[in-house]
């Protein structure tokens, strides 16, 4: 039976100082931002029907570079949010930030307004790698931003990339050690991928050999776990796991507001799950906060695509409550994956084996 899951809120802030050559997110340089906070709140008004009596479990403000917002803009945004929504008592509220835009007084104000978790896009602590990635900050600025974050916030994440042009395994492990020394509660460790319609796709960098990238990932994971960071999702390692991440991967609901924002909504009355998306162009969005709504057709695949990224997998009853379908609809695929030692299944849980986690795309393909 389809039941209502926890509800999160994603807010997209599409502007940045400079678009990175690997970035395929909806980010834009130097456009007029006037009126954007008001547009976000109008957008939310149109999506309030999706709340369905729930309080907000988590909020994530991503971009772009949302740390470009002024304290006054963030205050206006949260005043509006709190007038329209009920926040859970222990809500997690994350804001993405670029170390090159870190201002101590502004971030103290952000905390007072309601931000209780930062996600800092460091990527590397080595200047030559930062330059190759087109980042606007230096290694020194990255360390300084993380140091200030640890003094202001009780919970922050550091993003790190591996598989970079000219990067050695020692470089990769050095980045991890430097991140750990800055005492974050969470580290996101992910491989650089070349996405279509990016500058790197047009002018590809000379990446390390596949075997070296594999070793970076393998040794990086081991080092993070050695330092007490639990790998709970493919690229996520936490002493404090992210509530927002977990709700996303467990097929929870989220309202998405902002230019290009996506949402996922459960509708028990119609026994449907809906995907929403907003106009991608900030200019179009400012003029019209319309929403395209589509019904999710292949629910088993969509669910498994998310849940199998979790190290501990999923409870069997979660599949039924989040999709409204019996686990029997994927019984054959589960057995096939088990037969190839990609999946572990008992009477309560489904989880990837170590082999399945290493070959996750192969495992997910069973549910297409």
Protein backbone atom coordinates (compact mmCIF):
# COMPACT_ATOMS: atom_id res chain seq x y z
CA UNK A 1 0.00 0.00 0.00
CA UNK A 2 1.35 3.42 -0.98
CA UNK A 3 1.94 5.63 2.07
CA UNK A 4 3.26 9.16 2.52
CA UNK A 5 7.03 9.26 3.18
CA UNK A 6 8.94 12.10 4.87
CA UNK A 7 8.89 15.39 2.94
CA UNK A 8 12.01 17.44 2.19
CA UNK A 9 12.45 20.75 0.38
CA UNK A 10 15.05 21.46 -2.29
CA UNK A 11 15.74 25.10 -3.19
CA UNK A 12 17.82 25.89 -6.28
CA UNK A 13 19.90 29.06 -6.51
CA UNK A 14 21.22 29.09 -10.08
CA UNK A 15 23.92 31.78 -10.00
CA UNK A 16 27.65 31.38 -9.53
CA UNK A 17 30.77 33.53 -9.87
CA UNK A 18 32.21 31.35 -12.63
CA UNK A 19 30.88 28.14 -14.16
CA UNK A 20 33.33 25.26 -13.73
CA UNK A 21 34.32 23.32 -16.89
CA UNK A 22 33.02 19.99 -15.48
CA UNK A 23 29.70 21.38 -14.20
CA UNK A 24 26.46 20.19 -15.82
CA UNK A 25 24.22 21.67 -13.13
CA UNK A 26 21.85 24.53 -13.85
CA UNK A 27 24.28 27.34 -13.01
CA UNK A 28 24.70 30.74 -14.63
CA UNK A 29 27.21 33.57 -14.37
CA UNK A 30 26.37 37.20 -13.70
CA UNK A 31 22.67 37.53 -14.49
CA UNK A 32 20.20 39.84 -12.74
CA UNK A 33 19.09 38.18 -9.49
CA UNK A 34 16.54 40.82 -8.46
CA UNK A 35 13.19 39.33 -7.50
CA UNK A 36 14.43 35.75 -7.16
CA UNK A 37 13.50 35.28 -3.49
CA UNK A 38 9.97 36.49 -4.20
CA UNK A 39 9.76 34.10 -7.15
CA UNK A 40 10.84 31.19 -4.92
CA UNK A 41 8.05 31.93 -2.45
CA UNK A 42 5.46 32.23 -5.25
CA UNK A 43 6.73 28.91 -6.59
CA UNK A 44 6.29 27.32 -3.17
CA UNK A 45 2.73 28.64 -2.94
CA UNK A 46 1.87 26.65 -6.06
CA UNK A 47 3.38 23.47 -4.59
CA UNK A 48 1.82 23.69 -1.12
CA UNK A 49 -0.82 21.19 -2.26
CA UNK A 50 1.93 18.55 -2.19
CA UNK A 51 2.61 19.02 1.53
CA UNK A 52 -0.46 16.94 2.45
CA UNK A 53 -0.29 17.72 6.17
CA UNK A 54 3.39 16.91 6.59
CA UNK A 55 6.10 18.89 8.32
CA UNK A 56 9.39 19.49 6.51
CA UNK A 57 12.02 16.86 7.34
CA UNK A 58 15.04 18.54 5.71
CA UNK A 59 15.95 21.48 3.47
CA UNK A 60 18.82 21.62 0.99
CA UNK A 61 19.77 24.87 -0.76
CA UNK A 62 21.91 24.03 -3.78
CA UNK A 63 23.15 25.68 -6.92
CA UNK A 64 24.93 27.38 -8.46
CA UNK A 65 26.48 29.01 -5.42
CA UNK A 66 23.75 29.84 -2.89
CA UNK A 67 26.34 31.32 -0.53
CA UNK A 68 26.25 34.33 -2.89
CA UNK A 69 22.94 35.23 -1.25
CA UNK A 70 23.08 38.10 1.21
CA UNK A 71 21.96 37.61 4.80
CA UNK A 72 18.98 39.86 4.04
CA UNK A 73 17.95 37.65 1.10
CA UNK A 74 18.24 34.49 3.19
CA UNK A 75 16.24 36.12 5.99
CA UNK A 76 13.50 37.07 3.52
CA UNK A 77 13.47 33.50 2.20
CA UNK A 78 13.21 31.85 5.62
CA UNK A 79 10.61 34.29 6.88
CA UNK A 80 8.50 33.24 3.90
CA UNK A 81 9.20 29.52 4.33
CA UNK A 82 8.27 29.55 8.01
CA UNK A 83 5.02 31.37 7.29
CA UNK A 84 3.97 28.63 4.85
CA UNK A 85 5.50 25.42 6.22
CA UNK A 86 5.96 23.58 9.51
CA UNK A 87 9.56 22.55 10.21
CA UNK A 88 10.28 19.36 12.15
CA UNK A 89 11.96 19.97 15.51
CA UNK A 90 15.29 18.43 14.45
CA UNK A 91 15.19 19.58 10.83
CA UNK A 92 18.47 19.51 8.90
CA UNK A 93 18.98 22.68 6.81
CA UNK A 94 21.97 22.56 4.46
CA UNK A 95 23.43 25.34 2.34
CA UNK A 96 26.04 24.73 -0.35
CA UNK A 97 28.98 27.09 -0.34
CA UNK A 98 32.09 27.80 -2.37
CA UNK A 99 35.24 28.49 -0.30
CA UNK A 100 35.87 31.50 -2.52
CA UNK A 101 32.66 33.16 -1.29
CA UNK A 102 33.09 32.45 2.44
CA UNK A 103 32.54 35.47 4.69
CA UNK A 104 32.65 34.82 8.43
CA UNK A 105 30.12 37.45 9.50
CA UNK A 106 27.70 36.45 6.77
CA UNK A 107 27.86 32.79 7.75
CA UNK A 108 27.30 33.63 11.40
CA UNK A 109 24.17 35.47 10.23
CA UNK A 110 23.19 32.45 8.09
CA UNK A 111 23.37 30.24 11.19
CA UNK A 112 21.21 32.65 13.18
CA UNK A 113 18.64 32.62 10.36
CA UNK A 114 18.39 28.82 10.44
CA UNK A 115 21.18 27.14 8.46
CA UNK A 116 22.59 24.31 10.60
CA UNK A 117 24.72 22.43 8.07
CA UNK A 118 27.14 23.58 5.36
CA UNK A 119 28.29 21.65 2.31
CA UNK A 120 31.62 23.10 1.18
CA UNK A 121 32.70 22.51 -2.43
CA UNK A 122 36.43 22.10 -1.82
CA UNK A 123 37.12 19.38 -4.48
CA UNK A 124 40.89 19.43 -3.76
CA UNK A 125 43.39 20.96 -1.35
CA UNK A 126 46.02 21.32 -4.10
CA UNK A 127 46.23 24.53 -6.11
CA UNK A 128 47.22 22.95 -9.44
CA UNK A 129 44.19 20.65 -9.33
CA UNK A 130 41.88 23.50 -8.33
CA UNK A 131 43.18 25.55 -11.26
CA UNK A 132 42.61 22.68 -13.69
CA UNK A 133 39.05 22.32 -12.37
CA UNK A 134 38.38 26.02 -12.91
CA UNK A 135 37.64 26.64 -9.24
CA UNK A 136 37.72 30.23 -8.00
CA UNK A 137 39.31 29.39 -4.64
CA UNK A 138 42.81 28.41 -3.56
CA UNK A 139 43.88 25.56 -1.30
CA UNK A 140 44.54 28.09 1.47
CA UNK A 141 41.04 29.56 1.10
CA UNK A 142 39.56 26.05 1.21
CA UNK A 143 41.32 25.25 4.48
CA UNK A 144 40.35 28.60 5.96
CA UNK A 145 36.68 28.19 4.99
CA UNK A 146 36.54 24.72 6.57
CA UNK A 147 38.25 25.99 9.73
CA UNK A 148 35.70 28.79 10.08
CA UNK A 149 32.86 26.36 9.30
CA UNK A 150 33.98 24.10 12.16
CA UNK A 151 33.92 27.09 14.53
CA UNK A 152 30.49 28.34 13.46
CA UNK A 153 28.55 25.14 12.65
CA UNK A 154 28.19 21.81 14.44
CA UNK A 155 27.78 19.92 11.16
CA UNK A 156 29.48 20.45 7.80
CA UNK A 157 30.39 18.44 4.72
CA UNK A 158 33.47 18.66 2.50
CA UNK A 159 33.18 17.70 -1.18
CA UNK A 160 36.26 15.99 -2.66
CA UNK A 161 36.87 14.81 -6.23
CA UNK A 162 39.24 12.14 -7.49
CA UNK A 163 40.31 10.96 -10.93
CA UNK A 164 41.58 14.44 -11.82
CA UNK A 165 44.02 15.30 -14.58
CA UNK A 166 47.57 14.76 -13.31
CA UNK A 167 46.36 13.40 -9.97
CA UNK A 168 48.33 10.60 -8.35
CA UNK A 169 47.03 8.16 -5.76
CA UNK A 170 49.14 9.97 -3.16
CA UNK A 171 47.53 13.28 -4.19
CA UNK A 172 44.10 11.77 -3.68
CA UNK A 173 44.92 10.34 -0.25
CA UNK A 174 46.57 13.61 0.78
CA UNK A 175 43.32 15.46 0.01
CA UNK A 176 41.41 13.04 2.23
CA UNK A 177 43.88 13.40 5.11
CA UNK A 178 43.73 17.19 4.89
CA UNK A 179 39.93 17.08 4.87
CA UNK A 180 39.83 14.77 7.90
CA UNK A 181 42.19 17.08 9.81
CA UNK A 182 39.60 19.88 9.46
CA UNK A 183 37.07 17.85 11.50
CA UNK A 184 34.03 17.69 9.20
CA UNK A 185 31.14 15.43 10.17
CA UNK A 186 30.66 14.31 6.56
CA UNK A 187 32.79 13.90 3.42
CA UNK A 188 31.46 13.41 -0.11
CA UNK A 189 34.12 11.60 -2.17
CA UNK A 190 33.28 11.18 -5.81
CA UNK A 191 34.92 10.56 -9.15
CA UNK A 192 35.18 13.31 -11.77
CA UNK A 193 32.98 12.34 -14.71
CA UNK A 194 32.91 14.10 -18.06
CA UNK A 195 29.31 15.14 -18.66
CA UNK A 196 27.80 16.15 -22.03
CA UNK A 197 27.43 19.86 -22.80
CA UNK A 198 30.29 20.90 -20.53
CA UNK A 199 33.59 22.55 -21.40
CA UNK A 200 35.39 19.35 -20.40
CA UNK A 201 33.25 17.41 -22.89
CA UNK A 202 34.38 19.79 -25.63
CA UNK A 203 38.02 19.89 -24.49
CA UNK A 204 38.58 16.67 -22.50
CA UNK A 205 41.33 16.69 -19.89
CA UNK A 206 43.89 13.86 -19.84
CA UNK A 207 42.49 11.81 -16.97
CA UNK A 208 44.46 9.11 -15.12
CA UNK A 209 44.33 5.52 -16.34
CA UNK A 210 41.22 3.56 -15.36
CA UNK A 211 43.27 1.25 -13.11
CA UNK A 212 44.72 4.23 -11.24
CA UNK A 213 41.27 5.80 -10.83
CA UNK A 214 39.98 2.48 -9.48
CA UNK A 215 42.83 2.37 -6.95
CA UNK A 216 42.17 5.98 -5.91
CA UNK A 217 38.56 5.09 -5.20
CA UNK A 218 39.38 1.84 -3.42
CA UNK A 219 42.17 3.28 -1.25
CA UNK A 220 40.22 6.48 -0.64
CA UNK A 221 37.22 4.55 0.68
CA UNK A 222 39.48 2.48 2.95
CA UNK A 223 41.18 5.61 4.32
CA UNK A 224 37.89 7.37 5.02
CA UNK A 225 36.56 4.32 6.85
CA UNK A 226 39.83 4.06 8.78
CA UNK A 227 39.20 7.61 9.99
CA UNK A 228 35.72 6.69 11.21
CA UNK A 229 33.65 7.95 8.28
CA UNK A 230 30.97 5.35 7.57
CA UNK A 231 30.21 4.77 3.91
CA UNK A 232 26.43 4.82 3.85
CA UNK A 233 25.98 5.69 0.16
CA UNK A 234 28.21 5.27 -2.90
CA UNK A 235 29.87 8.68 -2.54
CA UNK A 236 28.80 9.69 0.98
CA UNK A 237 30.79 9.09 4.17
CA UNK A 238 29.50 10.32 7.47
CA UNK A 239 30.07 10.47 11.18
CA UNK A 240 26.68 12.18 10.93
CA UNK A 241 24.83 10.96 7.80
CA UNK A 242 22.85 13.56 5.87
CA UNK A 243 19.12 13.35 6.55
CA UNK A 244 18.40 14.98 3.20
CA UNK A 245 20.56 12.48 1.32
CA UNK A 246 18.96 9.54 3.09
CA UNK A 247 15.43 10.74 2.39
CA UNK A 248 16.33 11.11 -1.29
CA UNK A 249 17.90 7.66 -1.62
CA UNK A 250 15.10 6.00 0.36
CA UNK A 251 12.59 7.33 -2.17
CA UNK A 252 11.18 9.95 0.16
CA UNK A 253 9.32 12.98 -1.16
CA UNK A 254 10.76 16.40 -1.87
CA UNK A 255 9.31 19.63 -3.20
CA UNK A 256 11.69 21.36 -5.60
CA UNK A 257 11.52 25.13 -6.03
CA UNK A 258 13.77 27.39 -8.08
CA UNK A 259 15.02 27.54 -11.66
CA UNK A 260 15.39 24.00 -13.00
CA UNK A 261 14.46 22.40 -9.66
CA UNK A 262 13.02 18.88 -9.65
CA UNK A 263 10.62 17.35 -7.15
CA UNK A 264 9.20 13.92 -6.33
CA UNK A 265 5.75 13.64 -4.77
CA UNK A 266 3.65 10.71 -3.54
CA UNK A 267 -0.11 10.85 -4.14
CA UNK A 268 -1.84 8.05 -2.17
CA UNK A 269 -5.31 9.21 -3.26
CA UNK A 270 -4.54 8.48 -6.92
CA UNK A 271 -1.95 5.76 -6.16
CA UNK A 272 0.65 7.68 -8.18
CA UNK A 273 4.13 9.06 -7.78
CA UNK A 274 4.80 12.32 -9.60
CA UNK A 275 7.94 14.08 -10.81
CA UNK A 276 7.89 17.86 -11.09
CA UNK A 277 10.33 20.24 -12.76
CA UNK A 278 10.53 24.00 -13.07
CA UNK A 279 11.70 26.23 -15.97
CA UNK A 280 15.47 25.91 -16.32
CA UNK A 281 16.29 29.44 -17.48
CA UNK A 282 16.43 31.88 -14.54
CA UNK A 283 14.93 34.58 -16.76
CA UNK A 284 12.00 32.33 -17.73
CA UNK A 285 11.59 31.23 -14.12
CA UNK A 286 11.44 34.81 -12.84
CA UNK A 287 8.62 35.50 -15.29
CA UNK A 288 6.68 32.30 -14.68
CA UNK A 289 7.10 29.72 -11.91
CA UNK A 290 5.23 27.04 -13.84
CA UNK A 291 5.66 23.33 -13.22
CA UNK A 292 5.78 20.33 -15.53
CA UNK A 293 4.30 17.30 -13.77
CA UNK A 294 4.80 13.73 -14.98
CA UNK A 295 3.72 10.40 -13.57
CA UNK A 296 6.53 7.96 -12.75
CA UNK A 297 5.92 4.90 -14.92
CA UNK A 298 8.66 2.41 -13.99
CA UNK A 299 8.39 2.56 -10.21
CA UNK A 300 10.44 -0.57 -9.37
CA UNK A 301 13.41 0.71 -11.39
CA UNK A 302 13.17 4.25 -10.01
CA UNK A 303 13.04 2.91 -6.47
CA UNK A 304 15.91 0.45 -6.90
CA UNK A 305 18.02 3.02 -8.75
CA UNK A 306 17.99 5.06 -5.56
CA UNK A 307 17.91 2.44 -2.81
CA UNK A 308 20.72 0.27 -4.17
CA UNK A 309 23.13 3.20 -3.77
CA UNK A 310 22.75 2.74 -0.01
CA UNK A 311 25.37 0.48 1.55
CA UNK A 312 22.79 -1.15 3.81
CA UNK A 313 20.21 -1.41 1.04
CA UNK A 314 16.55 -1.32 2.02
CA UNK A 315 13.92 -2.96 4.16
CA UNK A 316 11.54 -5.12 2.12
CA UNK A 317 8.49 -3.33 3.50
CA UNK A 318 9.95 0.01 2.35
CA UNK A 319 9.62 -1.08 -1.28
CA UNK A 320 5.91 -1.73 -0.85
CA UNK A 321 5.15 1.44 1.16
CA UNK A 322 7.12 3.73 -1.19
CA UNK A 323 5.97 2.23 -4.52
CA UNK A 324 2.55 0.78 -3.64
CA UNK A 325 3.61 -2.46 -5.33
CA UNK A 326 4.35 -5.91 -3.97
CA UNK A 327 7.98 -6.98 -3.77
CA UNK A 328 6.89 -9.94 -5.91
CA UNK A 329 6.96 -7.72 -9.03
CA UNK A 330 10.77 -7.80 -8.90
CA UNK A 331 11.15 -11.32 -7.48
CA UNK A 332 12.69 -12.70 -10.69
CA UNK A 333 15.23 -9.86 -10.96
CA UNK A 334 16.17 -10.26 -7.30
CA UNK A 335 16.86 -13.95 -7.83
CA UNK A 336 18.95 -13.32 -10.95
CA UNK A 337 21.08 -10.76 -9.12
CA UNK A 338 21.45 -13.13 -6.18
CA UNK A 339 22.58 -15.94 -8.47
CA UNK A 340 25.43 -13.70 -9.70
CA UNK A 341 26.41 -12.78 -6.12
CA UNK A 342 25.49 -9.13 -6.72
CA UNK A 343 22.73 -8.95 -4.12
CA UNK A 344 22.04 -10.21 -0.59
CA UNK A 345 18.39 -10.91 0.25
CA UNK A 346 16.80 -12.23 3.43
CA UNK A 347 13.27 -12.05 4.83
CA UNK A 348 13.74 -8.43 5.94
CA UNK A 349 16.30 -6.65 3.75
CA UNK A 350 17.79 -6.31 0.29
CA UNK A 351 21.35 -5.01 0.07
CA UNK A 352 24.14 -5.02 -2.51
CA UNK A 353 26.95 -7.48 -1.89
CA UNK A 354 30.49 -6.12 -1.94
CA UNK A 355 30.69 -7.32 -5.54
CA UNK A 356 27.34 -5.70 -6.36
CA UNK A 357 28.46 -2.41 -4.84
CA UNK A 358 31.59 -2.44 -7.00
CA UNK A 359 29.53 -3.18 -10.12
CA UNK A 360 26.48 -1.11 -9.26
CA UNK A 361 25.49 -0.27 -12.84
CA UNK A 362 25.37 -3.98 -13.65
CA UNK A 363 23.22 -4.60 -10.59
CA UNK A 364 20.82 -1.76 -11.40
CA UNK A 365 20.42 -2.97 -14.98
CA UNK A 366 18.42 -5.98 -13.72
CA UNK A 367 15.57 -3.65 -12.78
CA UNK A 368 15.31 -1.71 -16.05
